[in-house]
Amino acid sequence: MQSSLPIQLFVSTPSGPLPLTPERGRLHLPQGADSRGAALSYGPYLQAIARFLSQNTCSIVTHCLCRHMGRPVSWKEIERLDIISEKHGALYHVVHLLMHLPGETASFALNVAVSPEQQAFLATEVQLLTMLHEHFSRPHLPRVYCEGEALYAAEDGSERTLTLFVAEWFEGYHEFHLAGDPREEFPVIKVWGLEKGDTLLNASDMHALYRQASAILTDYLDPHSFRQIYPWHHAAGDFILRQNPDGIQLKLITARDYRALMSPGPDPDERWLALCHFFFNLTLRMRLDRLEGTGELAWASPQSLQGIIAGFAESWARKARHEASLPPPEEVLSFMHQFTTREWLSLGEAVLEDSMVEAEEAPFLKQHLGKHISALMEALQSCFP
């Protein structure tokens, strides 16, 4: 390697990160059922990332630190770099980078794509994350600091090119999912992996969760083209949560695509319809998850709708303050408050046709559509006492 920067390699386990040893180095990384090609081994994988980061006197590391900390950083300031193989999803392998400086530590996520399909997806996501930050200037998505390629050299002499990008790591944030509770009619929300173990959200934090998640997605809605971050799914862990003394805070960790589910024409009525389409799909997908993230499809309590509506209105109010041509949120909610059950059902059928992410969702959502509309109409009614 081209620098004297101390680099330590780790493999994440349920017991915490463990140092890379020759025995652990020969273990294969988990890969999805659809993955093709030979599995990667931890040793060559982590060593490829270490070579990538240490090249040119650690210029990539210092570049990321400069952008993250907002000041010049020399590689000589870095006391140690920890490279931790952290997660293994359907699209990426995720590495946690810990850069230790005197008196502080900076965390980064390094996402690695192996197959050509994954690499094409990675390139698209880098472009989307960069565009969304530049266009909307909102703090909800990770900032991309750099992208590049690493050479994976297997023990048998074969080589593979890994594509990757380094982005912001949201320290202290955790995945959450609906979980069954025999004492409750609807699933509760379980936050994973806190230092004190998994925990359940109370009603106040549940309201804040749905309010913030809905506001985040509405923040990134283009109110003219109606392009939006889509698809997304609670079951995929796209939102993560941090519990603070004064409440919770959410982040969105990915942007898989940015497109319009309904493209309005020049007619004002079409724009209203596109906005209602976005809102109704938001209310459906916010309630949808899989139990514990990977189990059966599950449906959040109708109490979540109060938070969903509040988050949508909060974000739309920001848009309306900056663009006088947009109706205020009170007018938007009043318009939808006047919908009949039949009109909601008609809109719901269009939304289901336009917005399915997984095949199983259609029958599940159709089964719950009628009760969802009743609960939504009741929640909207509470906005106009």
Protein backbone atom coordinates (compact mmCIF):
# COMPACT_ATOMS: atom_id res chain seq x y z
CA MET A 1 0.00 0.00 0.00
CA GLN A 2 1.13 3.53 -0.71
CA SER A 3 0.85 5.07 2.77
CA SER A 4 1.73 4.33 6.36
CA LEU A 5 -1.83 4.93 7.52
CA PRO A 6 -2.74 2.15 9.98
CA ILE A 7 -5.67 0.22 8.52
CA GLN A 8 -7.58 -2.44 10.45
CA LEU A 9 -9.99 -4.87 8.77
CA PHE A 10 -13.05 -6.30 10.52
CA VAL A 11 -15.99 -8.62 9.85
CA SER A 12 -19.26 -7.66 11.51
CA THR A 13 -20.94 -10.43 13.55
CA PRO A 14 -23.91 -10.56 15.97
CA SER A 15 -21.32 -10.23 18.73
CA GLY A 16 -19.80 -7.13 17.17
CA PRO A 17 -16.93 -6.53 14.71
CA LEU A 18 -14.18 -9.16 14.81
CA PRO A 19 -10.69 -8.69 13.33
CA LEU A 20 -10.07 -10.27 9.95
CA THR A 21 -8.05 -13.48 10.37
CA PRO A 22 -6.91 -15.98 7.72
CA GLU A 23 -9.78 -18.26 8.76
CA ARG A 24 -12.40 -15.50 8.55
CA GLY A 25 -10.83 -14.24 5.34
CA ARG A 26 -11.71 -17.48 3.58
CA LEU A 27 -15.40 -17.25 4.52
CA HIS A 28 -17.80 -16.22 1.76
CA LEU A 29 -19.84 -13.03 1.93
CA PRO A 30 -23.61 -13.63 2.02
CA GLN A 31 -25.26 -13.14 -1.36
CA GLY A 32 -28.86 -13.11 -2.52
CA ALA A 33 -30.65 -16.00 -4.17
CA ASP A 34 -30.54 -14.20 -7.53
CA SER A 35 -26.80 -13.56 -7.38
CA ARG A 36 -24.68 -15.01 -10.16
CA GLY A 37 -20.98 -15.81 -10.27
CA ALA A 38 -18.57 -16.97 -7.62
CA ALA A 39 -19.10 -15.69 -4.10
CA LEU A 40 -16.62 -13.19 -2.70
CA SER A 41 -14.42 -14.04 0.27
CA TYR A 42 -13.93 -11.60 3.15
CA GLY A 43 -10.14 -11.49 2.90
CA PRO A 44 -9.71 -10.41 -0.76
CA TYR A 45 -12.85 -8.26 -0.48
CA LEU A 46 -11.65 -6.17 2.47
CA GLN A 47 -8.12 -6.01 1.07
CA ALA A 48 -9.46 -4.68 -2.25
CA ILE A 49 -11.26 -1.89 -0.39
CA ALA A 50 -8.16 -1.13 1.68
CA ARG A 51 -6.07 -0.80 -1.52
CA PHE A 52 -8.69 1.49 -3.04
CA LEU A 53 -8.73 3.79 -0.01
CA SER A 54 -4.97 3.91 0.52
CA GLN A 55 -3.94 4.74 -3.05
CA ASN A 56 -2.28 8.09 -3.85
CA THR A 57 -1.35 8.74 -0.21
CA CYS A 58 -4.94 8.20 0.93
CA SER A 59 -6.24 11.00 -1.29
CA ILE A 60 -9.72 9.42 -1.37
CA VAL A 61 -9.86 9.26 2.43
CA THR A 62 -8.77 12.87 2.85
CA HIS A 63 -11.16 14.01 0.11
CA CYS A 64 -14.10 12.38 1.93
CA LEU A 65 -13.01 13.86 5.25
CA CYS A 66 -12.64 17.36 3.78
CA ARG A 67 -16.14 17.25 2.31
CA HIS A 68 -17.65 15.72 5.43
CA MET A 69 -15.99 18.05 7.94
CA GLY A 70 -15.97 21.19 5.83
CA ARG A 71 -12.26 21.89 6.33
CA PRO A 72 -8.90 20.81 4.88
CA VAL A 73 -7.67 17.48 6.30
CA SER A 74 -4.22 15.95 5.80
CA TRP A 75 -3.78 12.20 5.81
CA LYS A 76 -1.18 12.72 8.56
CA GLU A 77 -4.03 13.79 10.88
CA ILE A 78 -5.67 10.36 10.54
CA GLU A 79 -4.63 8.08 13.36
CA ARG A 80 -6.32 4.91 12.08
CA LEU A 81 -8.83 3.68 9.52
CA ASP A 82 -11.18 0.84 10.44
CA ILE A 83 -12.84 -1.00 7.54
CA ILE A 84 -15.79 -3.08 8.75
CA SER A 85 -17.76 -5.39 6.46
CA GLU A 86 -21.19 -4.51 7.80
CA LYS A 87 -24.22 -5.55 5.70
CA HIS A 88 -25.04 -7.61 2.62
CA GLY A 89 -28.21 -6.72 0.72
CA ALA A 90 -29.78 -7.67 -2.58
CA LEU A 91 -28.09 -4.74 -4.32
CA TYR A 92 -24.99 -3.81 -2.35
CA HIS A 93 -22.47 -5.00 0.18
CA VAL A 94 -22.12 -2.22 2.75
CA VAL A 95 -18.87 -1.38 4.51
CA HIS A 96 -18.64 0.90 7.54
CA LEU A 97 -15.56 3.14 7.50
CA LEU A 98 -14.36 4.66 10.77
CA MET A 99 -11.72 7.36 10.32
CA HIS A 100 -10.08 8.18 13.64
CA LEU A 101 -8.65 11.68 14.11
CA PRO A 102 -7.36 13.25 17.33
CA GLY A 103 -10.40 13.66 19.56
CA GLU A 104 -13.01 12.62 17.00
CA THR A 105 -14.13 9.84 14.68
CA ALA A 106 -15.86 10.25 11.30
CA SER A 107 -18.11 7.52 9.92
CA PHE A 108 -18.79 6.74 6.26
CA ALA A 109 -20.73 4.14 4.29
CA LEU A 110 -19.00 2.43 1.40
CA ASN A 111 -21.46 0.64 -0.89
CA VAL A 112 -20.08 -2.09 -3.15
CA ALA A 113 -21.74 -3.53 -6.28
CA VAL A 114 -20.52 -6.79 -7.82
CA SER A 115 -22.72 -7.93 -10.73
CA PRO A 116 -23.27 -5.83 -13.88
CA GLU A 117 -26.92 -5.30 -12.86
CA GLN A 118 -25.92 -4.10 -9.39
CA GLN A 119 -23.24 -1.86 -10.86
CA ALA A 120 -25.72 -0.22 -13.24
CA PHE A 121 -28.05 0.36 -10.30
CA LEU A 122 -25.22 1.87 -8.26
CA ALA A 123 -24.34 4.32 -11.03
CA THR A 124 -27.98 5.42 -11.23
CA GLU A 125 -28.25 5.90 -7.47
CA VAL A 126 -25.09 8.01 -7.34
CA GLN A 127 -26.56 10.30 -10.00
CA LEU A 128 -29.93 10.49 -8.24
CA LEU A 129 -28.52 11.22 -4.78
CA THR A 130 -26.30 13.95 -6.21
CA MET A 131 -29.16 15.50 -8.19
CA LEU A 132 -31.63 15.40 -5.28
CA HIS A 133 -29.18 17.11 -2.94
CA GLU A 134 -28.43 19.82 -5.48
CA HIS A 135 -32.05 20.40 -6.49
CA PHE A 136 -33.85 20.22 -3.14
CA SER A 137 -31.15 21.05 -0.56
CA ARG A 138 -32.80 18.86 2.07
CA PRO A 139 -30.80 16.90 4.68
CA HIS A 140 -32.67 13.59 4.58
CA LEU A 141 -30.56 11.54 2.13
CA PRO A 142 -26.89 10.56 2.46
CA ARG A 143 -24.40 12.81 0.70
CA VAL A 144 -22.16 11.10 -1.87
CA TYR A 145 -18.47 11.92 -1.39
CA CYS A 146 -16.80 9.87 -4.13
CA GLU A 147 -17.16 6.86 -6.42
CA GLY A 148 -14.71 4.50 -8.06
CA GLU A 149 -13.57 0.94 -8.67
CA ALA A 150 -11.64 -1.62 -6.62
CA LEU A 151 -9.88 -4.71 -7.95
CA TYR A 152 -10.84 -7.93 -6.18
CA ALA A 153 -8.03 -10.50 -6.49
CA ALA A 154 -9.11 -14.02 -5.51
CA GLU A 155 -6.73 -16.61 -4.10
CA ASP A 156 -7.01 -18.63 -7.32
CA GLY A 157 -5.59 -15.71 -9.30
CA SER A 158 -8.88 -14.56 -10.85
CA GLU A 159 -9.85 -10.90 -10.65
CA ARG A 160 -13.12 -8.95 -10.58
CA THR A 161 -13.85 -5.24 -10.70
CA LEU A 162 -16.02 -3.93 -7.89
CA THR A 163 -17.75 -0.57 -8.28
CA LEU A 164 -18.43 1.46 -5.19
CA PHE A 165 -19.26 4.82 -3.74
CA VAL A 166 -18.50 6.43 -0.39
CA ALA A 167 -21.33 8.31 1.29
CA GLU A 168 -22.43 9.75 4.58
CA TRP A 169 -23.04 7.23 7.38
CA PHE A 170 -25.95 8.15 9.63
CA GLU A 171 -24.47 7.46 13.05
CA GLY A 172 -26.84 6.17 15.72
CA TYR A 173 -29.68 5.36 13.30
CA HIS A 174 -31.39 1.98 13.29
CA GLU A 175 -33.78 -0.04 11.18
CA PHE A 176 -37.38 -0.45 12.32
CA HIS A 177 -40.32 -2.63 11.29
CA LEU A 178 -43.82 -3.60 12.21
CA ALA A 179 -43.94 -6.48 14.68
CA GLY A 180 -46.82 -8.57 15.94
CA ASP A 181 -48.06 -8.04 19.49
CA PRO A 182 -50.83 -10.34 20.82
CA ARG A 183 -52.01 -7.52 23.09
CA GLU A 184 -52.66 -5.16 20.17
CA GLU A 185 -55.13 -5.25 17.27
CA PHE A 186 -52.50 -3.86 14.88
CA PRO A 187 -48.74 -4.47 14.76
CA VAL A 188 -46.44 -2.28 16.83
CA ILE A 189 -43.22 -0.66 15.63
CA LYS A 190 -40.00 -2.29 16.77
CA VAL A 191 -36.68 -0.47 16.49
CA TRP A 192 -33.76 -2.84 15.96
CA GLY A 193 -30.30 -2.98 17.39
CA LEU A 194 -30.27 -0.28 20.03
CA GLU A 195 -27.56 -0.57 22.66
CA LYS A 196 -30.20 -1.65 25.16
CA GLY A 197 -31.74 -4.09 22.68
CA ASP A 198 -34.80 -3.86 20.45
CA THR A 199 -37.42 -1.41 21.66
CA LEU A 200 -41.05 -0.57 20.85
CA LEU A 201 -42.20 2.94 19.94
CA ASN A 202 -44.89 4.63 21.97
CA ALA A 203 -47.87 6.36 20.36
CA SER A 204 -46.17 9.78 20.31
CA ASP A 205 -43.03 8.48 18.59
CA MET A 206 -45.14 6.44 16.15
CA HIS A 207 -46.96 9.64 15.14
CA ALA A 208 -43.61 11.42 14.71
CA LEU A 209 -42.25 8.54 12.61
CA TYR A 210 -45.07 8.66 10.08
CA ARG A 211 -45.12 12.46 10.08
CA GLN A 212 -41.39 12.70 9.34
CA ALA A 213 -41.32 9.89 6.76
CA SER A 214 -44.25 11.43 4.87
CA ALA A 215 -42.68 14.89 5.01
CA ILE A 216 -39.38 13.53 3.69
CA LEU A 217 -40.97 11.92 0.64
CA THR A 218 -43.12 15.00 -0.02
CA ASP A 219 -40.02 17.20 0.28
CA TYR A 220 -38.53 15.38 -2.73
CA LEU A 221 -41.73 15.55 -4.79
CA ASP A 222 -41.44 17.83 -7.82
CA PRO A 223 -44.76 19.75 -7.68
CA HIS A 224 -44.76 20.36 -11.44
CA SER A 225 -43.67 17.10 -13.06
CA PHE A 226 -44.73 15.01 -10.03
CA ARG A 227 -41.53 13.03 -10.21
CA GLN A 228 -40.86 11.42 -6.85
CA ILE A 229 -38.53 8.99 -5.09
CA TYR A 230 -40.05 5.67 -6.09
CA PRO A 231 -40.04 2.78 -5.45
CA TRP A 232 -39.35 2.65 -1.73
CA HIS A 233 -40.46 0.16 0.93
CA HIS A 234 -40.45 -0.02 4.71
CA ALA A 235 -39.70 -3.74 4.39
CA ALA A 236 -36.39 -2.92 2.70
CA GLY A 237 -35.35 -0.70 5.60
CA ASP A 238 -35.27 2.39 3.41
CA PHE A 239 -36.02 4.62 6.40
CA ILE A 240 -33.89 4.50 9.53
CA LEU A 241 -34.50 6.07 12.92
CA ARG A 242 -32.54 7.63 15.77
CA GLN A 243 -34.00 8.09 19.22
CA ASN A 244 -32.93 11.34 20.86
CA PRO A 245 -33.81 12.63 24.35
CA ASP A 246 -36.31 15.04 22.77
CA GLY A 247 -37.87 12.56 20.31
CA ILE A 248 -37.01 10.66 17.16
CA GLN A 249 -35.36 11.62 13.89
CA LEU A 250 -35.63 9.85 10.52
CA LYS A 251 -33.38 9.57 7.48
CA LEU A 252 -33.96 7.99 4.06
CA ILE A 253 -30.93 5.94 3.04
CA THR A 254 -31.57 5.32 -0.65
CA ALA A 255 -33.14 6.67 -3.84
CA ARG A 256 -33.65 3.78 -6.25
CA ASP A 257 -35.47 5.79 -8.89
CA TYR A 258 -37.04 9.20 -9.42
CA ARG A 259 -40.07 9.19 -11.67
CA ALA A 260 -43.69 10.26 -12.05
CA LEU A 261 -46.34 7.63 -11.38
CA MET A 262 -48.89 9.96 -12.98
CA SER A 263 -47.65 12.65 -15.36
CA PRO A 264 -50.10 15.57 -15.49
CA GLY A 265 -50.85 17.53 -18.62
CA PRO A 266 -51.38 21.30 -18.80
CA ASP A 267 -54.96 21.11 -17.52
CA PRO A 268 -55.15 22.27 -13.85
CA ASP A 269 -57.53 19.41 -13.06
CA GLU A 270 -54.87 16.92 -14.12
CA ARG A 271 -52.42 18.53 -11.69
CA TRP A 272 -54.90 18.17 -8.85
CA LEU A 273 -55.43 14.53 -9.80
CA ALA A 274 -51.66 13.88 -9.85
CA LEU A 275 -51.32 15.43 -6.39
CA CYS A 276 -54.18 13.33 -5.02
CA HIS A 277 -52.59 10.25 -6.62
CA PHE A 278 -49.30 10.98 -4.82
CA PHE A 279 -51.06 11.59 -1.51
CA PHE A 280 -53.22 8.47 -1.64
CA ASN A 281 -50.29 6.25 -2.61
CA LEU A 282 -48.32 7.80 0.25
CA THR A 283 -51.02 6.86 2.75
CA LEU A 284 -51.08 3.28 1.47
CA ARG A 285 -47.35 2.66 1.36
CA MET A 286 -46.67 4.30 4.70
CA ARG A 287 -48.91 1.73 6.35
CA LEU A 288 -47.39 -1.22 4.44
CA ASP A 289 -44.48 -3.28 5.77
CA ARG A 290 -43.45 -6.88 6.38
CA LEU A 291 -43.46 -8.26 9.90
CA GLU A 292 -39.91 -8.01 11.23
CA GLY A 293 -38.87 -6.82 7.75
CA THR A 294 -38.98 -10.20 6.01
CA GLY A 295 -42.20 -11.88 7.16
CA GLU A 296 -45.77 -11.57 5.94
CA LEU A 297 -47.10 -8.29 4.60
CA ALA A 298 -48.42 -6.20 7.47
CA TRP A 299 -50.59 -3.16 7.92
CA ALA A 300 -49.97 -0.32 10.38
CA SER A 301 -52.67 1.01 12.66
CA PRO A 302 -55.06 3.58 11.14
CA GLN A 303 -53.74 5.94 13.83
CA SER A 304 -50.71 6.31 11.56
CA LEU A 305 -52.83 8.34 9.15
CA GLN A 306 -52.83 11.39 11.42
CA GLY A 307 -49.04 11.50 11.21
CA ILE A 308 -49.04 10.84 7.47
CA ILE A 309 -51.43 13.71 6.78
CA ALA A 310 -49.51 16.05 9.11
CA GLY A 311 -46.20 15.24 7.39
CA PHE A 312 -47.61 15.76 3.92
CA ALA A 313 -49.16 19.10 4.94
CA GLU A 314 -45.97 20.26 6.68
CA SER A 315 -43.85 19.63 3.60
CA TRP A 316 -46.38 20.96 1.12
CA ALA A 317 -46.60 24.17 3.16
CA ARG A 318 -42.85 24.66 2.62
CA LYS A 319 -43.32 24.25 -1.12
CA ALA A 320 -46.27 26.66 -1.18
CA ARG A 321 -44.28 29.32 0.71
CA HIS A 322 -41.61 29.24 -1.99
CA GLU A 323 -43.96 29.01 -4.99
CA ALA A 324 -47.00 31.26 -4.96
CA SER A 325 -48.60 29.24 -7.77
CA LEU A 326 -49.07 26.22 -5.48
CA PRO A 327 -52.23 25.93 -3.40
CA PRO A 328 -51.69 26.00 0.38
CA PRO A 329 -51.99 22.68 2.23
CA GLU A 330 -55.31 23.70 3.78
CA GLU A 331 -56.80 24.02 0.30
CA VAL A 332 -55.34 20.68 -0.78
CA LEU A 333 -56.68 18.83 2.27
CA SER A 334 -60.05 20.58 1.95
CA PHE A 335 -60.27 19.44 -1.68
CA MET A 336 -59.60 15.81 -0.73
CA HIS A 337 -61.88 16.05 2.28
CA GLN A 338 -64.78 16.48 -0.15
CA PHE A 339 -64.10 13.16 -1.93
CA THR A 340 -66.83 10.55 -1.71
CA THR A 341 -66.12 6.91 -0.95
CA ARG A 342 -66.73 6.08 -4.61
CA GLU A 343 -64.24 8.73 -5.75
CA TRP A 344 -61.59 7.41 -3.35
CA LEU A 345 -62.21 3.86 -4.59
CA SER A 346 -61.81 4.98 -8.19
CA LEU A 347 -58.56 6.77 -7.34
CA GLY A 348 -57.41 3.79 -5.30
CA GLU A 349 -57.83 1.41 -8.23
CA ALA A 350 -55.66 3.70 -10.38
CA VAL A 351 -53.03 3.98 -7.64
CA LEU A 352 -52.85 0.20 -7.22
CA GLU A 353 -52.41 -0.26 -10.95
CA ASP A 354 -49.66 2.38 -11.19
CA SER A 355 -47.60 1.81 -8.08
CA MET A 356 -47.10 -1.85 -7.21
CA VAL A 357 -43.58 -2.76 -6.12
CA GLU A 358 -44.06 -6.47 -5.34
CA ALA A 359 -46.60 -8.87 -6.84
CA GLU A 360 -47.99 -9.85 -3.43
CA GLU A 361 -48.95 -6.27 -2.64
CA ALA A 362 -51.88 -5.99 -5.04
CA PRO A 363 -54.20 -8.58 -3.41
CA PHE A 364 -53.14 -7.44 0.07
CA LEU A 365 -53.89 -3.78 -0.61
CA LYS A 366 -57.13 -4.56 -2.45
CA GLN A 367 -58.27 -6.51 0.59
CA HIS A 368 -57.62 -3.52 2.87
CA LEU A 369 -58.61 -0.73 0.47
CA GLY A 370 -62.19 -0.22 1.69
CA LYS A 371 -61.30 0.03 5.38
CA HIS A 372 -58.30 2.19 4.54
CA ILE A 373 -60.50 4.67 2.70
CA SER A 374 -62.94 4.82 5.62
CA ALA A 375 -60.08 5.47 8.05
CA LEU A 376 -58.57 8.07 5.71
CA MET A 377 -61.86 9.94 5.35
CA GLU A 378 -62.21 9.95 9.12
CA ALA A 379 -58.65 11.24 9.55
CA LEU A 380 -59.27 14.02 7.01
CA GLN A 381 -62.49 14.91 8.78
CA SER A 382 -60.52 15.53 11.99
CA CYS A 383 -58.61 18.25 10.10
CA PHE A 384 -61.86 20.18 9.69
CA PRO A 385 -63.72 20.00 13.02
